[in-house]
Protein backbone atom coordinates (compact mmCIF):
# COMPACT_ATOMS: atom_id res chain seq x y z
CA MET A 1 -77.66 -22.79 17.02
CA GLY A 2 -77.68 -19.71 19.35
CA SER A 3 -77.81 -20.19 22.91
CA ARG A 4 -78.93 -23.94 22.45
CA THR A 5 -77.07 -25.85 25.06
CA SER A 6 -78.22 -29.66 23.90
CA HIS A 7 -76.93 -31.38 21.34
CA ALA A 8 -78.57 -30.13 18.01
CA PRO A 9 -76.69 -30.95 14.54
CA ARG A 10 -78.00 -29.08 11.77
CA ARG A 11 -80.28 -31.64 9.69
CA SER A 12 -80.13 -32.89 6.07
CA SER A 13 -77.21 -33.36 4.02
CA LEU A 14 -75.49 -30.48 1.88
CA GLY A 15 -73.60 -32.55 -0.39
CA TYR A 16 -76.05 -32.53 -2.91
CA ARG A 17 -79.32 -30.62 -4.47
CA ARG A 18 -82.43 -32.52 -4.40
CA ASN A 19 -83.59 -32.18 -8.07
CA ARG A 20 -85.31 -34.59 -10.20
CA ALA A 21 -83.73 -36.65 -12.54
CA ALA A 22 -83.16 -34.93 -16.29
CA ARG A 23 -83.47 -38.70 -18.01
CA ILE A 24 -84.66 -42.02 -16.48
CA THR A 25 -81.63 -43.71 -18.24
CA PRO A 26 -78.51 -42.67 -15.95
CA LYS A 27 -75.75 -40.65 -17.51
CA PRO A 28 -72.11 -41.02 -16.17
CA ARG A 29 -70.40 -37.56 -15.60
CA ALA A 30 -67.17 -38.94 -15.28
CA TRP A 31 -64.88 -41.91 -16.55
CA PRO A 32 -62.24 -43.67 -15.12
CA VAL A 33 -58.31 -43.64 -16.37
CA TYR A 34 -57.88 -46.61 -18.15
CA ASN A 35 -54.63 -47.89 -19.88
CA GLY A 36 -54.37 -51.28 -21.92
CA GLN A 37 -56.34 -53.10 -24.29
CA PRO A 38 -59.27 -51.21 -25.84
CA LYS A 39 -62.59 -51.86 -23.85
CA LEU A 40 -65.86 -50.68 -23.12
CA LEU A 41 -65.78 -48.93 -19.43
CA GLY A 42 -69.49 -49.58 -18.80
CA PHE A 43 -72.45 -51.67 -19.45
CA LEU A 44 -76.40 -51.35 -19.04
CA GLY A 45 -78.60 -53.45 -16.82
CA ILE A 46 -82.31 -53.92 -15.38
CA LYS A 47 -82.58 -54.07 -11.85
CA ALA A 48 -84.54 -57.11 -11.15
CA GLY A 49 -84.53 -57.25 -7.28
CA MET A 50 -83.06 -58.47 -4.27
CA SER A 51 -82.21 -62.01 -2.83
CA GLN A 52 -79.08 -63.46 -0.58
CA LEU A 53 -76.44 -65.40 -0.52
CA SER A 54 -73.60 -67.02 1.22
CA TYR A 55 -69.95 -66.94 0.51
CA ILE A 56 -66.21 -67.40 1.87
CA GLU A 57 -64.93 -64.09 3.58
CA ASP A 58 -61.63 -63.47 1.77
CA ARG A 59 -60.95 -60.04 3.05
CA ARG A 60 -57.90 -60.88 5.19
CA GLN A 61 -58.34 -58.13 7.49
CA SER A 62 -61.91 -58.96 8.33
CA HIS A 63 -62.60 -60.59 11.94
CA LEU A 64 -64.90 -63.01 9.72
CA ALA A 65 -61.89 -64.15 7.68
CA ASN A 66 -62.31 -67.45 5.67
CA ARG A 67 -65.82 -68.05 7.61
CA GLU A 68 -69.24 -68.48 5.63
CA VAL A 69 -71.02 -65.14 5.77
CA THR A 70 -74.83 -64.41 4.50
CA VAL A 71 -75.18 -61.08 3.02
CA ALA A 72 -78.04 -59.25 0.91
CA CYS A 73 -77.43 -59.05 -2.92
CA THR A 74 -78.81 -57.31 -5.68
CA VAL A 75 -79.97 -59.08 -9.18
CA ILE A 76 -79.33 -57.08 -12.08
CA GLU A 77 -80.70 -58.60 -15.66
CA THR A 78 -78.11 -57.90 -18.33
CA PRO A 79 -79.51 -58.63 -21.90
CA PRO A 80 -76.82 -57.83 -24.73
CA ILE A 81 -76.35 -54.18 -25.54
CA VAL A 82 -76.15 -53.22 -29.10
CA VAL A 83 -73.28 -51.13 -30.63
CA TYR A 84 -75.38 -48.89 -33.40
CA GLY A 85 -72.68 -45.80 -33.37
CA LEU A 86 -69.62 -44.25 -32.37
CA ARG A 87 -68.76 -40.61 -31.19
CA GLY A 88 -65.67 -38.94 -31.03
CA TYR A 89 -65.05 -35.63 -29.03
CA ALA A 90 -62.53 -32.95 -29.34
CA LYS A 91 -61.28 -31.04 -26.38
CA THR A 92 -62.15 -27.17 -26.22
CA PRO A 93 -61.83 -24.15 -23.96
CA TYR A 94 -65.41 -25.04 -23.10
CA GLY A 95 -65.00 -28.78 -22.23
CA LEU A 96 -65.53 -31.46 -24.73
CA SER A 97 -67.31 -31.38 -27.95
CA ILE A 98 -68.60 -33.52 -30.12
CA SER A 99 -66.48 -33.86 -33.89
CA ALA A 100 -67.93 -36.27 -35.63
CA ASP A 101 -70.51 -39.71 -35.25
CA LEU A 102 -70.65 -42.45 -37.22
CA PHE A 103 -73.77 -45.00 -37.16
CA SER A 104 -74.23 -48.35 -38.25
CA SER A 105 -75.86 -48.97 -41.69
CA GLU A 106 -77.83 -51.89 -40.06
CA TYR A 107 -80.58 -51.17 -37.30
CA LYS A 108 -82.67 -53.50 -35.22
CA GLU A 109 -86.45 -52.52 -35.67
CA GLU A 110 -87.18 -51.77 -32.30
CA LEU A 111 -84.59 -48.84 -32.26
CA ARG A 112 -87.19 -47.01 -34.76
CA ARG A 113 -89.48 -46.94 -31.09
CA ARG A 114 -86.51 -44.47 -30.12
CA VAL A 115 -85.04 -42.68 -32.83
CA LYS A 116 -85.54 -41.41 -36.06
CA THR A 117 -83.37 -43.76 -38.20
CA PRO A 118 -82.36 -42.47 -41.81
CA LYS A 119 -83.75 -44.12 -44.78
CA LYS A 120 -80.43 -43.33 -46.63
CA TYR A 121 -76.85 -43.16 -44.98
CA ASP A 122 -73.74 -43.14 -46.80
CA PHE A 123 -71.68 -44.90 -44.23
CA GLU A 124 -68.46 -44.69 -46.53
CA LYS A 125 -68.78 -41.29 -46.61
CA ALA A 126 -69.22 -40.56 -42.58
CA LYS A 127 -66.46 -42.90 -42.23
CA LYS A 128 -64.52 -40.94 -44.01
CA ASN A 129 -65.33 -37.84 -42.30
CA PHE A 130 -64.64 -39.67 -39.04
CA GLU A 131 -61.27 -40.64 -39.64
CA ALA A 132 -60.19 -37.13 -41.01
CA LYS A 133 -61.45 -35.24 -37.87
CA LEU A 134 -59.43 -38.53 -35.39
CA PRO A 135 -56.12 -36.56 -35.30
CA GLU A 136 -58.30 -33.78 -33.06
CA MET A 137 -60.54 -36.39 -30.98
CA VAL A 138 -59.15 -37.13 -27.31
CA GLU A 139 -62.30 -39.47 -26.62
CA ILE A 140 -64.11 -42.32 -28.36
CA ARG A 141 -67.66 -43.41 -27.13
CA ALA A 142 -69.83 -46.13 -28.22
CA ILE A 143 -73.49 -45.15 -28.63
CA VAL A 144 -75.56 -48.42 -27.57
CA HIS A 145 -79.28 -49.11 -26.90
CA THR A 146 -80.45 -51.89 -25.02
CA GLN A 147 -82.99 -54.84 -25.81
CA PRO A 148 -85.41 -54.81 -22.97
CA TYR A 149 -88.13 -56.86 -25.32
CA LEU A 150 -85.57 -59.97 -24.66
CA THR A 151 -86.82 -59.36 -20.82
CA GLY A 152 -90.45 -59.79 -19.17
CA ILE A 153 -90.48 -56.02 -17.78
CA GLY A 154 -93.42 -55.60 -20.94
CA THR A 155 -91.46 -52.95 -22.76
CA LYS A 156 -89.99 -52.78 -26.13
CA THR A 157 -88.73 -49.33 -26.28
CA PRO A 158 -84.80 -49.41 -25.94
CA SER A 159 -82.73 -47.33 -23.61
CA ILE A 160 -79.89 -45.40 -25.46
CA SER A 161 -76.55 -44.25 -23.86
CA GLU A 162 -73.04 -43.59 -24.39
CA ILE A 163 -70.18 -45.73 -23.01
CA LYS A 164 -66.50 -44.34 -23.63
CA ILE A 165 -64.06 -46.50 -24.78
CA GLY A 166 -61.10 -47.22 -22.60
CA CYS A 167 -57.96 -47.29 -24.87
CA ASP A 168 -54.36 -45.45 -25.29
CA SER A 169 -55.09 -43.35 -28.47
CA PRO A 170 -58.00 -42.34 -30.17
CA SER A 171 -57.07 -44.25 -33.36
CA GLU A 172 -57.21 -47.70 -31.18
CA GLY A 173 -60.31 -46.85 -29.46
CA PHE A 174 -61.97 -46.09 -33.68
CA GLU A 175 -60.44 -49.67 -34.56
CA TYR A 176 -61.98 -51.44 -31.77
CA GLY A 177 -65.49 -49.63 -32.03
CA LEU A 178 -65.32 -50.49 -35.64
CA SER A 179 -65.13 -53.53 -34.78
CA LEU A 180 -68.15 -53.56 -32.68
CA LEU A 181 -70.45 -51.68 -34.66
CA GLY A 182 -73.61 -53.09 -35.69
CA LYS A 183 -72.96 -56.35 -32.92
CA GLU A 184 -73.93 -57.44 -29.55
CA VAL A 185 -71.82 -57.02 -26.23
CA MET A 186 -72.12 -59.15 -23.65
CA ILE A 187 -71.83 -58.51 -19.74
CA ARG A 188 -68.70 -60.98 -20.14
CA ASP A 189 -66.92 -58.94 -22.53
CA VAL A 190 -66.97 -55.82 -20.08
CA PHE A 191 -67.16 -57.25 -16.40
CA LYS A 192 -66.01 -60.49 -14.82
CA ALA A 193 -66.98 -61.80 -10.98
CA GLY A 194 -65.04 -60.51 -8.55
CA GLU A 195 -64.36 -56.79 -10.08
CA PHE A 196 -65.83 -53.91 -8.29
CA ALA A 197 -68.13 -51.54 -10.58
CA ASP A 198 -69.94 -47.95 -9.85
CA VAL A 199 -73.61 -48.33 -9.84
CA ILE A 200 -75.56 -45.30 -11.47
CA ALA A 201 -79.05 -44.95 -10.98
CA VAL A 202 -82.12 -42.80 -10.58
CA THR A 203 -83.99 -43.54 -7.33
CA LYS A 204 -87.57 -44.20 -6.55
CA GLY A 205 -89.38 -40.86 -6.69
CA LYS A 206 -91.44 -40.26 -3.52
CA GLY A 207 -92.94 -37.11 -5.19
CA PHE A 208 -93.38 -33.52 -3.45
CA GLN A 209 -92.49 -33.56 0.22
CA GLY A 210 -92.55 -31.58 3.40
CA PRO A 211 -89.39 -31.05 5.57
CA VAL A 212 -89.89 -33.65 7.81
CA LYS A 213 -90.08 -36.38 5.63
CA ARG A 214 -87.86 -34.82 3.05
CA HIS A 215 -85.00 -33.70 5.44
CA GLY A 216 -85.94 -35.53 8.94
CA ILE A 217 -86.32 -32.17 11.04
CA LYS A 218 -87.94 -32.03 14.40
CA ILE A 219 -91.63 -31.70 14.86
CA LEU A 220 -92.06 -28.54 17.02
CA GLN A 221 -94.11 -28.36 20.05
CA HIS A 222 -98.27 -28.46 19.71
CA LYS A 223 -98.28 -24.70 20.63
CA SER A 224 -95.70 -23.59 17.96
CA LYS A 225 -97.02 -20.50 16.17
CA GLY A 226 -97.88 -21.25 12.15
CA THR A 227 -96.67 -24.47 11.94
CA LYS A 228 -95.40 -27.82 13.56
CA ARG A 229 -94.32 -29.73 10.33
CA GLY A 230 -91.76 -27.11 9.77
CA VAL A 231 -88.20 -25.20 10.88
CA GLY A 232 -88.71 -22.53 13.41
CA SER A 233 -87.12 -19.90 11.33
CA ILE A 234 -86.24 -19.73 7.80
CA GLY A 235 -83.28 -17.42 8.33
CA PRO A 236 -82.31 -13.72 9.71
CA TRP A 237 -83.30 -10.46 8.07
CA HIS A 238 -80.17 -9.63 5.99
CA PRO A 239 -79.49 -11.53 3.59
CA ALA A 240 -82.98 -10.63 2.61
CA ARG A 241 -83.62 -14.09 1.04
CA THR A 242 -84.05 -17.67 2.10
CA MET A 243 -80.93 -19.77 1.80
CA TRP A 244 -80.63 -23.05 -0.20
CA THR A 245 -79.47 -24.50 3.23
CA VAL A 246 -82.66 -24.28 4.83
CA PRO A 247 -84.37 -27.47 5.08
CA ARG A 248 -87.82 -26.71 3.02
CA HIS A 249 -90.20 -28.73 1.14
CA GLY A 250 -90.07 -29.92 -2.41
CA GLN A 251 -89.09 -32.63 -4.71
CA MET A 252 -87.80 -35.87 -2.61
CA GLY A 253 -86.58 -39.01 -4.96
CA PHE A 254 -86.13 -39.75 -8.26
CA HIS A 255 -82.33 -38.05 -8.08
CA THR A 256 -79.31 -39.81 -10.10
CA ARG A 257 -77.19 -41.02 -7.78
CA THR A 258 -73.83 -43.08 -8.05
CA GLU A 259 -72.79 -45.87 -5.50
CA TYR A 260 -69.27 -46.57 -5.90
CA ASN A 261 -67.24 -49.83 -5.73
CA LYS A 262 -69.86 -52.45 -5.57
CA ARG A 263 -68.59 -56.05 -5.78
CA ILE A 264 -69.68 -58.37 -8.41
CA MET A 265 -70.13 -61.51 -7.06
CA GLN A 266 -71.33 -63.60 -9.77
CA ILE A 267 -72.22 -63.24 -13.30
CA GLY A 268 -74.30 -65.92 -14.98
CA SER A 269 -76.25 -66.70 -17.79
CA ASP A 270 -79.24 -69.18 -16.26
CA GLY A 271 -81.91 -67.07 -14.57
CA LYS A 272 -82.96 -70.24 -13.10
CA GLU A 273 -79.79 -70.52 -11.11
CA ILE A 274 -81.30 -67.46 -8.73
CA ILE A 275 -84.72 -67.15 -9.56
CA PRO A 276 -87.12 -67.60 -6.22
CA ASP A 277 -90.00 -69.62 -6.33
CA GLY A 278 -92.78 -67.56 -7.92
CA GLY A 279 -90.17 -65.20 -9.58
CA PHE A 280 -89.33 -61.82 -8.27
CA ILE A 281 -92.17 -59.63 -7.10
CA ASN A 282 -93.13 -57.45 -9.40
CA TYR A 283 -90.67 -58.66 -12.03
CA GLY A 284 -90.95 -61.96 -12.85
CA GLU A 285 -88.07 -64.29 -13.97
CA VAL A 286 -84.93 -63.60 -15.13
CA LYS A 287 -84.22 -64.73 -18.81
CA ASN A 288 -80.89 -63.46 -19.98
CA ASN A 289 -77.50 -62.76 -18.06
CA TYR A 290 -77.22 -61.70 -15.09
CA VAL A 291 -75.24 -60.01 -12.33
CA LEU A 292 -75.18 -60.32 -8.59
CA LEU A 293 -74.04 -57.40 -7.04
CA LYS A 294 -73.05 -57.24 -2.98
CA GLY A 295 -75.41 -55.13 -1.07
CA SER A 296 -78.04 -52.81 -2.47
CA ILE A 297 -78.21 -50.00 -5.45
CA PRO A 298 -80.53 -47.02 -5.84
CA GLY A 299 -83.60 -47.28 -7.91
CA SER A 300 -86.70 -48.94 -8.40
CA LYS A 301 -87.37 -52.70 -9.96
CA LYS A 302 -87.60 -52.66 -13.81
CA ARG A 303 -85.57 -49.35 -14.02
CA THR A 304 -82.18 -48.89 -16.15
CA VAL A 305 -78.87 -49.27 -14.34
CA PHE A 306 -75.63 -48.17 -15.25
CA LEU A 307 -72.64 -50.17 -14.01
CA ARG A 308 -69.01 -48.38 -14.90
CA LYS A 309 -65.84 -49.33 -14.30
CA PRO A 310 -64.84 -47.88 -10.71
CA VAL A 311 -63.29 -44.69 -10.71
CA ARG A 312 -62.06 -44.57 -7.34
CA LYS A 313 -59.29 -47.04 -5.58
CA THR A 314 -60.66 -50.53 -4.97
CA PRO A 315 -61.22 -51.61 -1.26
CA GLN A 316 -59.68 -55.35 -1.84
CA GLN A 317 -57.80 -57.42 -4.39
CA GLU A 318 -59.96 -58.47 -7.31
CA LYS A 319 -60.76 -62.35 -7.27
CA GLU A 320 -63.88 -64.14 -7.80
CA PRO A 321 -65.82 -64.89 -4.65
CA GLN A 322 -66.40 -68.61 -3.30
CA ILE A 323 -70.12 -68.62 -3.21
CA THR A 324 -71.89 -71.81 -1.21
CA TYR A 325 -75.45 -70.80 -1.23
CA ILE A 326 -77.94 -68.63 -3.32
CA SER A 327 -81.25 -68.14 -1.76
CA LYS A 328 -84.48 -69.41 -4.11
CA LYS A 329 -87.05 -69.06 -1.16
CA SER A 330 -90.33 -67.51 -2.17
CA GLN A 331 -90.77 -63.67 -1.56
CA GLN A 332 -94.37 -63.86 -1.65
CA GLY A 333 -94.56 -65.40 2.02
């Protein structure tokens, strides 16, 4: 900052670039290390809105321990997902590479809105090919699709994603995935109340914005030359280019973001237990299983979010919280 004497830290974070998300359905870039019985390591849901609940604080180190506290919570509707394929990955010098695929011979009719399904598919031949390449595989993932037509958001086109199967060996993962092929998976089969989950979602888009709104820089004095809603200098003569670290205009919002260790407060099957009077604004009623997450998450309503098993150490012991109250007050004033 040169000879400036006042405290003037740089504006905006350099921890990530602000690029538009490549796809509206989030895609995890990493998976947790898992050992134990084969299990899916993630689930897909739809953000419905926010509410508030009261529970008994169970963190022993908290100054509010054993007292009733009220917190904000996010409601995620989680209709069953359908496993319609398996995919095996082999390790190469350039990272993981697809080794073989195996798809179910029966499809939901709505899946044709998203992908082109084959008219004739030799399941046994594809299964033998998958088993032959099983020794070279290091990771097995389930190819799943959502069922938004079971909700009230007004769309029939499903979202498609890959979910890693946590297992001790690829052969165990393959047998487990084979047992799920063509079947529905419920949220209770993957998560339980009191657990922690990482939430991956695409944030709400703000469009093309200037550096004041995008980075929070200071508005210059009214006698400034050229502009007031911009930085005073975009850099020196050399290097003869504008560095990416300089706050500039560009895309704001619609970024893929991950929030770690969000606590699952409750998993329910009857949406009437949590629906506020008049329903959630811009969403309506919750008609399927649901998840209550402590705090807020990225993304707008009706947007698909990905719940993943945590990749970081959880902040406290996993146990089901004691909920005393869930607000059903109308959100329409």
